[in-house]
Amino acid sequence: MSTTLYPSQFIDAVCTIRERFASTAYHATLPNGKETVAFLQKKEAHLADVIQPGDRVLVTICPADFDRARIRRMA
């Protein structure tokens, strides 16, 4: 039996980029001060050259795993 995920099951937040450690992965800080790893999707790969430490980005987080976030766009 599969579970359908609805957009309301995800959390959107604005986080601050701390550093880049891979071509599409960044260490970031959530608004509550917790650290997360923020990833760029292939369709947002053009942002890899734009995002710098200190930038704020909009991310989507699954409530079950706050250690990973998906970067959606610049905030």
PDB file of N, CA and C in Angstrom:
ATOM      1  N   MET A   1       0.841  -1.176   0.000  1.00  0.00           N
ATOM      2  CA  MET A   1       0.000   0.000   0.000  1.00  0.00           C
ATOM      3  C   MET A   1       0.885   1.238   0.000  1.00  0.00           C
ATOM      4  N   SER A   2       0.696   2.114  -0.944  1.00  0.00           N
ATOM      5  CA  SER A   2       1.534   3.312  -1.025  1.00  0.00           C
ATOM      6  C   SER A   2       0.811   4.504  -0.400  1.00  0.00           C
ATOM      7  N   THR A   3       1.611   5.378   0.154  1.00  0.00           N
ATOM      8  CA  THR A   3       1.083   6.595   0.762  1.00  0.00           C
ATOM      9  C   THR A   3       1.350   7.757  -0.182  1.00  0.00           C
ATOM     10  N   THR A   4       0.342   8.515  -0.501  1.00  0.00           N
ATOM     11  CA  THR A   4       0.496   9.685  -1.353  1.00  0.00           C
ATOM     12  C   THR A   4       0.927  10.857  -0.500  1.00  0.00           C
ATOM     13  N   LEU A   5       2.008  11.527  -0.920  1.00  0.00           N
ATOM     14  CA  LEU A   5       2.483  12.696  -0.198  1.00  0.00           C
ATOM     15  C   LEU A   5       1.846  13.942  -0.785  1.00  0.00           C
ATOM     16  N   TYR A   6       1.287  14.752   0.052  1.00  0.00           N
ATOM     17  CA  TYR A   6       0.673  15.998  -0.365  1.00  0.00           C
ATOM     18  C   TYR A   6       1.597  17.144   0.003  1.00  0.00           C
ATOM     19  N   PRO A   7       1.551  18.252  -0.741  1.00  0.00           N
ATOM     20  CA  PRO A   7       2.434  19.387  -0.454  1.00  0.00           C
ATOM     21  C   PRO A   7       2.332  19.878   0.989  1.00  0.00           C
ATOM     22  N   SER A   8       1.174  19.729   1.612  1.00  0.00           N
ATOM     23  CA  SER A   8       1.016  20.213   2.979  1.00  0.00           C
ATOM     24  C   SER A   8       1.788  19.362   3.981  1.00  0.00           C
ATOM     25  N   GLN A   9       2.300  18.206   3.547  1.00  0.00           N
ATOM     26  CA  GLN A   9       3.064  17.354   4.436  1.00  0.00           C
ATOM     27  C   GLN A   9       4.529  17.786   4.514  1.00  0.00           C
ATOM     28  N   PHE A  10       4.921  18.757   3.735  1.00  0.00           N
ATOM     29  CA  PHE A  10       6.281  19.264   3.743  1.00  0.00           C
ATOM     30  C   PHE A  10       6.307  20.643   4.384  1.00  0.00           C
ATOM     31  N   ILE A  11       7.465  21.017   4.876  1.00  0.00           N
ATOM     32  CA  ILE A  11       7.630  22.305   5.541  1.00  0.00           C
ATOM     33  C   ILE A  11       8.497  23.195   4.663  1.00  0.00           C
ATOM     34  N   ASP A  12       8.038  24.394   4.383  1.00  0.00           N
ATOM     35  CA  ASP A  12       8.839  25.396   3.677  1.00  0.00           C
ATOM     36  C   ASP A  12       9.446  26.326   4.712  1.00  0.00           C
ATOM     37  N   ALA A  13      10.732  26.633   4.537  1.00  0.00           N
ATOM     38  CA  ALA A  13      11.423  27.516   5.474  1.00  0.00           C
ATOM     39  C   ALA A  13      12.497  28.283   4.721  1.00  0.00           C
ATOM     40  N   VAL A  14      12.930  29.372   5.303  1.00  0.00           N
ATOM     41  CA  VAL A  14      14.042  30.144   4.757  1.00  0.00           C
ATOM     42  C   VAL A  14      15.251  29.847   5.629  1.00  0.00           C
ATOM     43  N   CYS A  15      16.332  29.395   5.018  1.00  0.00           N
ATOM     44  CA  CYS A  15      17.538  29.110   5.800  1.00  0.00           C
ATOM     45  C   CYS A  15      18.705  29.909   5.233  1.00  0.00           C
ATOM     46  N   THR A  16      19.771  29.983   6.028  1.00  0.00           N
ATOM     47  CA  THR A  16      20.962  30.739   5.658  1.00  0.00           C
ATOM     48  C   THR A  16      22.082  29.767   5.307  1.00  0.00           C
ATOM     49  N   ILE A  17      22.700  29.969   4.163  1.00  0.00           N
ATOM     50  CA  ILE A  17      23.792  29.113   3.715  1.00  0.00           C
ATOM     51  C   ILE A  17      25.051  29.450   4.518  1.00  0.00           C
ATOM     52  N   ARG A  18      25.692  28.409   5.076  1.00  0.00           N
ATOM     53  CA  ARG A  18      26.942  28.602   5.808  1.00  0.00           C
ATOM     54  C   ARG A  18      28.149  28.350   4.920  1.00  0.00           C
ATOM     55  N   GLU A  19      28.145  27.192   4.212  1.00  0.00           N
ATOM     56  CA  GLU A  19      29.273  26.868   3.346  1.00  0.00           C
ATOM     57  C   GLU A  19      28.854  25.832   2.311  1.00  0.00           C
ATOM     58  N   ARG A  20      29.598  25.800   1.237  1.00  0.00           N
ATOM     59  CA  ARG A  20      29.382  24.797   0.187  1.00  0.00           C
ATOM     60  C   ARG A  20      30.408  23.696   0.396  1.00  0.00           C
ATOM     61  N   PHE A  21      29.966  22.429   0.401  1.00  0.00           N
ATOM     62  CA  PHE A  21      30.924  21.343   0.590  1.00  0.00           C
ATOM     63  C   PHE A  21      30.902  20.328  -0.543  1.00  0.00           C
ATOM     64  N   ALA A  22      30.017  20.483  -1.491  1.00  0.00           N
ATOM     65  CA  ALA A  22      29.990  19.657  -2.696  1.00  0.00           C
ATOM     66  C   ALA A  22      29.389  20.500  -3.810  1.00  0.00           C
ATOM     67  N   SER A  23      29.365  19.965  -5.006  1.00  0.00           N
ATOM     68  CA  SER A  23      28.904  20.778  -6.141  1.00  0.00           C
ATOM     69  C   SER A  23      27.456  21.238  -5.998  1.00  0.00           C
ATOM     70  N   THR A  24      26.614  20.428  -5.358  1.00  0.00           N
ATOM     71  CA  THR A  24      25.210  20.816  -5.183  1.00  0.00           C
ATOM     72  C   THR A  24      24.742  20.674  -3.739  1.00  0.00           C
ATOM     73  N   ALA A  25      25.669  20.703  -2.780  1.00  0.00           N
ATOM     74  CA  ALA A  25      25.297  20.521  -1.378  1.00  0.00           C
ATOM     75  C   ALA A  25      25.919  21.622  -0.510  1.00  0.00           C
ATOM     76  N   TYR A  26      25.126  22.080   0.448  1.00  0.00           N
ATOM     77  CA  TYR A  26      25.536  23.193   1.308  1.00  0.00           C
ATOM     78  C   TYR A  26      25.195  22.887   2.765  1.00  0.00           C
ATOM     79  N   HIS A  27      26.017  23.382   3.672  1.00  0.00           N
ATOM     80  CA  HIS A  27      25.647  23.387   5.083  1.00  0.00           C
ATOM     81  C   HIS A  27      24.830  24.652   5.285  1.00  0.00           C
ATOM     82  N   ALA A  28      23.680  24.521   5.942  1.00  0.00           N
ATOM     83  CA  ALA A  28      22.784  25.657   6.129  1.00  0.00           C
ATOM     84  C   ALA A  28      22.224  25.668   7.540  1.00  0.00           C
ATOM     85  N   THR A  29      21.752  26.840   7.969  1.00  0.00           N
ATOM     86  CA  THR A  29      21.164  27.012   9.296  1.00  0.00           C
ATOM     87  C   THR A  29      19.689  27.349   9.140  1.00  0.00           C
ATOM     88  N   LEU A  30      18.848  26.585   9.829  1.00  0.00           N
ATOM     89  CA  LEU A  30      17.410  26.827   9.826  1.00  0.00           C
ATOM     90  C   LEU A  30      17.079  27.993  10.752  1.00  0.00           C
ATOM     91  N   PRO A  31      15.882  28.565  10.653  1.00  0.00           N
ATOM     92  CA  PRO A  31      15.513  29.700  11.511  1.00  0.00           C
ATOM     93  C   PRO A  31      15.585  29.403  13.012  1.00  0.00           C
ATOM     94  N   ASN A  32      15.432  28.139  13.406  1.00  0.00           N
ATOM     95  CA  ASN A  32      15.495  27.785  14.827  1.00  0.00           C
ATOM     96  C   ASN A  32      16.924  27.533  15.297  1.00  0.00           C
ATOM     97  N   GLY A  33      17.908  27.724  14.417  1.00  0.00           N
ATOM     98  CA  GLY A  33      19.308  27.557  14.786  1.00  0.00           C
ATOM     99  C   GLY A  33      19.882  26.185  14.499  1.00  0.00           C
ATOM    100  N   LYS A  34      19.065  25.239  14.105  1.00  0.00           N
ATOM    101  CA  LYS A  34      19.541  23.885  13.804  1.00  0.00           C
ATOM    102  C   LYS A  34      20.258  23.876  12.456  1.00  0.00           C
ATOM    103  N   GLU A  35      21.230  22.970  12.358  1.00  0.00           N
ATOM    104  CA  GLU A  35      21.993  22.817  11.119  1.00  0.00           C
ATOM    105  C   GLU A  35      21.326  21.767  10.238  1.00  0.00           C
ATOM    106  N   THR A  36      21.418  21.961   8.930  1.00  0.00           N
ATOM    107  CA  THR A  36      20.883  21.014   7.963  1.00  0.00           C
ATOM    108  C   THR A  36      21.794  20.994   6.747  1.00  0.00           C
ATOM    109  N   VAL A  37      21.638  19.977   5.922  1.00  0.00           N
ATOM    110  CA  VAL A  37      22.336  19.911   4.646  1.00  0.00           C
ATOM    111  C   VAL A  37      21.309  20.234   3.571  1.00  0.00           C
ATOM    112  N   ALA A  38      21.577  21.271   2.805  1.00  0.00           N
ATOM    113  CA  ALA A  38      20.656  21.723   1.761  1.00  0.00           C
ATOM    114  C   ALA A  38      21.208  21.308   0.398  1.00  0.00           C
ATOM    115  N   PHE A  39      20.360  20.660  -0.386  1.00  0.00           N
ATOM    116  CA  PHE A  39      20.755  20.159  -1.695  1.00  0.00           C
ATOM    117  C   PHE A  39      20.036  20.900  -2.798  1.00  0.00           C
ATOM    118  N   LEU A  40      20.723  21.041  -3.934  1.00  0.00           N
ATOM    119  CA  LEU A  40      20.107  21.588  -5.149  1.00  0.00           C
ATOM    120  C   LEU A  40      19.627  20.434  -6.015  1.00  0.00           C
ATOM    121  N   GLN A  41      18.430  20.570  -6.574  1.00  0.00           N
ATOM    122  CA  GLN A  41      17.948  19.597  -7.540  1.00  0.00           C
ATOM    123  C   GLN A  41      18.537  19.930  -8.904  1.00  0.00           C
ATOM    124  N   LYS A  42      18.482  18.979  -9.817  1.00  0.00           N
ATOM    125  CA  LYS A  42      19.019  19.218 -11.161  1.00  0.00           C
ATOM    126  C   LYS A  42      18.355  20.395 -11.843  1.00  0.00           C
ATOM    127  N   LYS A  43      17.032  20.548 -11.653  1.00  0.00           N
ATOM    128  CA  LYS A  43      16.343  21.653 -12.326  1.00  0.00           C
ATOM    129  C   LYS A  43      16.727  23.017 -11.747  1.00  0.00           C
ATOM    130  N   GLU A  44      17.326  23.036 -10.563  1.00  0.00           N
ATOM    131  CA  GLU A  44      17.792  24.287  -9.953  1.00  0.00           C
ATOM    132  C   GLU A  44      19.316  24.400  -9.993  1.00  0.00           C
ATOM    133  N   ALA A  45      19.974  23.590 -10.807  1.00  0.00           N
ATOM    134  CA  ALA A  45      21.438  23.551 -10.855  1.00  0.00           C
ATOM    135  C   ALA A  45      22.053  24.896 -11.243  1.00  0.00           C
ATOM    136  N   HIS A  46      21.306  25.732 -11.949  1.00  0.00           N
ATOM    137  CA  HIS A  46      21.833  27.050 -12.334  1.00  0.00           C
ATOM    138  C   HIS A  46      22.134  27.915 -11.102  1.00  0.00           C
ATOM    139  N   LEU A  47      21.531  27.588  -9.960  1.00  0.00           N
ATOM    140  CA  LEU A  47      21.786  28.353  -8.735  1.00  0.00           C
ATOM    141  C   LEU A  47      23.133  28.016  -8.090  1.00  0.00           C
ATOM    142  N   ALA A  48      23.767  26.931  -8.518  1.00  0.00           N
ATOM    143  CA  ALA A  48      25.035  26.507  -7.912  1.00  0.00           C
ATOM    144  C   ALA A  48      26.101  27.599  -8.017  1.00  0.00           C
ATOM    145  N   ASP A  49      26.100  28.342  -9.104  1.00  0.00           N
ATOM    146  CA  ASP A  49      27.088  29.409  -9.283  1.00  0.00           C
ATOM    147  C   ASP A  49      26.666  30.709  -8.610  1.00  0.00           C
ATOM    148  N   VAL A  50      25.416  30.799  -8.199  1.00  0.00           N
ATOM    149  CA  VAL A  50      24.871  32.030  -7.629  1.00  0.00           C
ATOM    150  C   VAL A  50      24.926  32.027  -6.100  1.00  0.00           C
ATOM    151  N   ILE A  51      24.656  30.890  -5.486  1.00  0.00           N
ATOM    152  CA  ILE A  51      24.543  30.804  -4.019  1.00  0.00           C
ATOM    153  C   ILE A  51      25.915  30.942  -3.366  1.00  0.00           C
ATOM    154  N   GLN A  52      25.992  31.850  -2.404  1.00  0.00           N
ATOM    155  CA  GLN A  52      27.219  32.121  -1.655  1.00  0.00           C
ATOM    156  C   GLN A  52      26.938  32.007  -0.161  1.00  0.00           C
ATOM    157  N   PRO A  53      27.970  31.772   0.673  1.00  0.00           N
ATOM    158  CA  PRO A  53      27.750  31.768   2.127  1.00  0.00           C
ATOM    159  C   PRO A  53      27.113  33.084   2.579  1.00  0.00           C
ATOM    160  N   GLY A  54      26.127  32.976   3.454  1.00  0.00           N
ATOM    161  CA  GLY A  54      25.398  34.141   3.940  1.00  0.00           C
ATOM    162  C   GLY A  54      24.098  34.392   3.199  1.00  0.00           C
ATOM    163  N   ASP A  55      23.926  33.779   2.023  1.00  0.00           N
ATOM    164  CA  ASP A  55      22.687  33.944   1.265  1.00  0.00           C
ATOM    165  C   ASP A  55      21.542  33.219   1.959  1.00  0.00           C
ATOM    166  N   ARG A  56      20.343  33.737   1.758  1.00  0.00           N
ATOM    167  CA  ARG A  56      19.141  33.104   2.298  1.00  0.00           C
ATOM    168  C   ARG A  56      18.404  32.426   1.149  1.00  0.00           C
ATOM    169  N   VAL A  57      18.002  31.175   1.365  1.00  0.00           N
ATOM    170  CA  VAL A  57      17.313  30.400   0.346  1.00  0.00           C
ATOM    171  C   VAL A  57      16.044  29.792   0.919  1.00  0.00           C
ATOM    172  N   LEU A  58      15.063  29.583   0.045  1.00  0.00           N
ATOM    173  CA  LEU A  58      13.833  28.906   0.435  1.00  0.00           C
ATOM    174  C   LEU A  58      14.067  27.408   0.267  1.00  0.00           C
ATOM    175  N   VAL A  59      13.784  26.640   1.318  1.00  0.00           N
ATOM    176  CA  VAL A  59      13.978  25.197   1.274  1.00  0.00           C
ATOM    177  C   VAL A  59      12.687  24.475   1.633  1.00  0.00           C
ATOM    178  N   THR A  60      12.599  23.227   1.214  1.00  0.00           N
ATOM    179  CA  THR A  60      11.497  22.346   1.579  1.00  0.00           C
ATOM    180  C   THR A  60      12.093  21.210   2.408  1.00  0.00           C
ATOM    181  N   ILE A  61      11.455  20.930   3.546  1.00  0.00           N
ATOM    182  CA  ILE A  61      11.959  19.917   4.472  1.00  0.00           C
ATOM    183  C   ILE A  61      10.855  18.908   4.749  1.00  0.00           C
ATOM    184  N   CYS A  62      11.224  17.638   4.780  1.00  0.00           N
ATOM    185  CA  CYS A  62      10.292  16.587   5.192  1.00  0.00           C
ATOM    186  C   CYS A  62      10.271  16.585   6.722  1.00  0.00           C
ATOM    187  N   PRO A  63       9.102  16.592   7.348  1.00  0.00           N
ATOM    188  CA  PRO A  63       9.034  16.640   8.813  1.00  0.00           C
ATOM    189  C   PRO A  63       9.707  15.455   9.503  1.00  0.00           C
ATOM    190  N   ALA A  64       9.891  14.363   8.787  1.00  0.00           N
ATOM    191  CA  ALA A  64      10.526  13.189   9.388  1.00  0.00           C
ATOM    192  C   ALA A  64      12.048  13.300   9.433  1.00  0.00           C
ATOM    193  N   ASP A  65      12.634  14.203   8.644  1.00  0.00           N
ATOM    194  CA  ASP A  65      14.090  14.288   8.553  1.00  0.00           C
ATOM    195  C   ASP A  65      14.526  15.743   8.371  1.00  0.00           C
ATOM    196  N   PHE A  66      14.805  16.415   9.469  1.00  0.00           N
ATOM    197  CA  PHE A  66      15.234  17.814   9.412  1.00  0.00           C
ATOM    198  C   PHE A  66      16.712  17.955   9.062  1.00  0.00           C
ATOM    199  N   ASP A  67      17.417  16.838   8.858  1.00  0.00           N
ATOM    200  CA  ASP A  67      18.835  16.896   8.531  1.00  0.00           C
ATOM    201  C   ASP A  67      19.076  17.169   7.058  1.00  0.00           C
ATOM    202  N   ARG A  68      18.035  17.050   6.239  1.00  0.00           N
ATOM    203  CA  ARG A  68      18.163  17.271   4.797  1.00  0.00           C
ATOM    204  C   ARG A  68      17.086  18.251   4.332  1.00  0.00           C
ATOM    205  N   ALA A  69      17.476  19.141   3.439  1.00  0.00           N
ATOM    206  CA  ALA A  69      16.528  20.120   2.901  1.00  0.00           C
ATOM    207  C   ALA A  69      16.777  20.241   1.400  1.00  0.00           C
ATOM    208  N   ARG A  70      15.728  20.565   0.672  1.00  0.00           N
ATOM    209  CA  ARG A  70      15.820  20.745  -0.774  1.00  0.00           C
ATOM    210  C   ARG A  70      15.713  22.235  -1.077  1.00  0.00           C
ATOM    211  N   ILE A  71      16.710  22.795  -1.723  1.00  0.00           N
ATOM    212  CA  ILE A  71      16.697  24.208  -2.083  1.00  0.00           C
ATOM    213  C   ILE A  71      15.756  24.407  -3.256  1.00  0.00           C
ATOM    214  N   ARG A  72      14.809  25.332  -3.094  1.00  0.00           N
ATOM    215  CA  ARG A  72      13.833  25.608  -4.149  1.00  0.00           C
ATOM    216  C   ARG A  72      14.167  26.872  -4.919  1.00  0.00           C
ATOM    217  N   ARG A  73      14.612  27.910  -4.204  1.00  0.00           N
ATOM    218  CA  ARG A  73      14.956  29.171  -4.882  1.00  0.00           C
ATOM    219  C   ARG A  73      15.629  30.104  -3.885  1.00  0.00           C
ATOM    220  N   MET A  74      16.120  31.210  -4.384  1.00  0.00           N
ATOM    221  CA  MET A  74      16.693  32.247  -3.518  1.00  0.00           C
ATOM    222  C   MET A  74      15.550  32.929  -2.780  1.00  0.00           C
ATOM    223  N   ALA A  75      15.812  33.326  -1.544  1.00  0.00           N
ATOM    224  CA  ALA A  75      14.768  34.002  -0.744  1.00  0.00           C
ATOM    225  C   ALA A  75      14.919  35.503  -0.869  1.00  0.00           C
TER     226      ALA A  75
END
